[in-house]
Amino acid sequence: MAGGQAKKEKESKMSAQLRMETLFRDQLWWLFALVIIIFIIFICFMLRKRIFR
C-alpha cells in the first residue's frame, strides 16, 4: 500500500513538471511570435515614414 502511494506521488510530480515545461515552451512560442509581429510592424512603420518623405 505504502509503496504504491509513493509511486503515485512520484508520477504526479513528473506529470506536473512535464506540464510546467510544456507551459513554458508555449509561453516562449508566444513571446517569439509577439517579437516577430512587433518587428514587422516596426519595419512597416519605418518604410511608410521613408515613402511619405
Protein backbone atom coordinates (compact mmCIF):
# COMPACT_ATOMS: atom_id res chain seq x y z
CA MET A 1 0.00 0.00 0.00
CA ALA A 2 2.69 2.49 1.06
CA GLY A 3 4.87 1.59 -1.94
CA GLY A 4 2.03 2.20 -4.39
CA GLN A 5 1.30 5.56 -2.79
CA ALA A 6 4.92 6.67 -3.16
CA LYS A 7 4.95 5.59 -6.80
CA LYS A 8 1.76 7.51 -7.49
CA GLU A 9 3.19 10.62 -5.84
CA LYS A 10 6.33 10.39 -7.97
CA GLU A 11 4.24 10.02 -11.14
CA SER A 12 2.11 13.04 -10.31
CA LYS A 13 5.27 15.08 -9.65
CA MET A 14 6.66 14.02 -13.03
CA SER A 15 3.45 14.92 -14.86
CA ALA A 16 3.34 18.30 -13.08
CA GLN A 17 6.91 19.01 -14.14
CA LEU A 18 6.08 17.98 -17.71
CA ARG A 19 3.04 20.27 -17.70
CA MET A 20 5.18 23.18 -16.48
CA GLU A 21 7.74 22.57 -19.23
CA THR A 22 5.01 22.49 -21.89
CA LEU A 23 3.53 25.70 -20.50
CA PHE A 24 6.94 27.35 -20.55
CA ARG A 25 7.54 26.23 -24.14
CA ASP A 26 4.13 27.61 -25.18
CA GLN A 27 4.99 30.93 -23.50
CA LEU A 28 8.31 31.03 -25.35
CA TRP A 29 6.49 30.48 -28.66
CA TRP A 30 4.04 33.28 -27.87
CA LEU A 31 6.91 35.60 -26.91
CA PHE A 32 8.73 34.71 -30.13
CA ALA A 33 5.61 35.37 -32.24
CA LEU A 34 5.00 38.67 -30.44
CA VAL A 35 8.57 39.85 -31.08
CA ILE A 36 8.27 38.98 -34.79
CA ILE A 37 4.92 40.82 -35.09
CA ILE A 38 6.33 43.93 -33.37
CA PHE A 39 9.41 43.75 -35.63
CA ILE A 40 7.22 43.56 -38.77
CA ILE A 41 5.07 46.49 -37.60
CA PHE A 42 8.24 48.49 -36.86
CA ILE A 43 9.64 47.78 -40.35
CA CYS A 44 6.33 48.77 -41.99
CA PHE A 45 6.26 51.97 -39.91
CA MET A 46 9.84 52.87 -40.90
CA LEU A 47 9.16 52.14 -44.59
CA ARG A 48 5.98 54.24 -44.52
CA LYS A 49 7.88 57.14 -42.96
CA ARG A 50 10.55 56.87 -45.67
CA ILE A 51 7.99 56.70 -48.52
CA PHE A 52 5.99 59.73 -47.34
CA ARG A 53 9.06 61.97 -47.10
